[in-house]
Every structure is written in structure tokens, then in C-alpha cells.
């Protein structure tokens, strides 16, 4: 019974970690895209 509880807890923690990592990656990806677009716009205006 204790082993089952430990396994469930470990699985839940892993799932939470994966979700957090995915969310962070999505946010970072979005930020990078926005920054690149802003830089591109600035470059175009400079020219």
C-alpha cells in the first residue's frame, strides 16, 4: 500500500514538472518570437 502511494506521488510530481516545463517553453518561444519581430521592425525602420 505504501509503495503504491509513493509511486502515485512520484508520477504526479513528474507530471507537474512536465507541465511546468512545457508552459515555460511555450512562454519563452512566444517571447522570442515577439522580440525577433520587434528587432526586425527596428531593422526595417533603420533602413
Protein backbone atom coordinates (compact mmCIF):
# COMPACT_ATOMS: atom_id res chain seq x y z
CA UNK A 1 0.00 0.00 0.00
CA UNK A 2 2.81 2.42 0.93
CA UNK A 3 4.63 1.57 -2.33
CA UNK A 4 1.54 2.39 -4.38
CA UNK A 5 1.18 5.77 -2.63
CA UNK A 6 4.86 6.58 -3.26
CA UNK A 7 4.54 5.64 -6.95
CA UNK A 8 1.40 7.78 -7.35
CA UNK A 9 3.10 10.76 -5.69
CA UNK A 10 6.20 10.38 -7.88
CA UNK A 11 4.06 10.17 -11.04
CA UNK A 12 2.08 13.26 -10.01
CA UNK A 13 5.27 15.22 -9.33
CA UNK A 14 6.70 14.18 -12.71
CA UNK A 15 3.51 15.23 -14.48
CA UNK A 16 3.59 18.62 -12.74
CA UNK A 17 7.25 19.11 -13.72
CA UNK A 18 6.49 18.23 -17.34
CA UNK A 19 3.53 20.64 -17.42
CA UNK A 20 5.64 23.45 -15.94
CA UNK A 21 8.46 22.81 -18.43
CA UNK A 22 6.03 22.84 -21.37
CA UNK A 23 4.41 26.09 -20.16
CA UNK A 24 7.83 27.73 -19.70
CA UNK A 25 8.92 26.61 -23.18
CA UNK A 26 5.74 27.98 -24.75
CA UNK A 27 6.18 31.33 -22.95
CA UNK A 28 9.87 31.54 -23.91
CA UNK A 29 9.02 30.66 -27.51
CA UNK A 30 6.36 33.38 -27.62
CA UNK A 31 8.71 35.97 -26.08
CA UNK A 32 11.48 35.08 -28.55
CA UNK A 33 9.08 35.42 -31.50
CA UNK A 34 7.85 38.81 -30.25
CA UNK A 35 11.43 40.04 -29.68
CA UNK A 36 12.55 38.87 -33.11
CA UNK A 37 9.58 40.65 -34.72
CA UNK A 38 10.39 43.87 -32.83
CA UNK A 39 14.04 43.66 -33.85
CA UNK A 40 13.03 43.01 -37.44
CA UNK A 41 10.71 46.04 -37.40
CA UNK A 42 13.51 48.21 -35.94
CA UNK A 43 15.95 46.96 -38.61
CA UNK A 44 13.44 47.76 -41.36
CA UNK A 45 12.89 51.27 -39.95
CA UNK A 46 16.65 51.86 -39.76
CA UNK A 47 16.96 51.05 -43.48
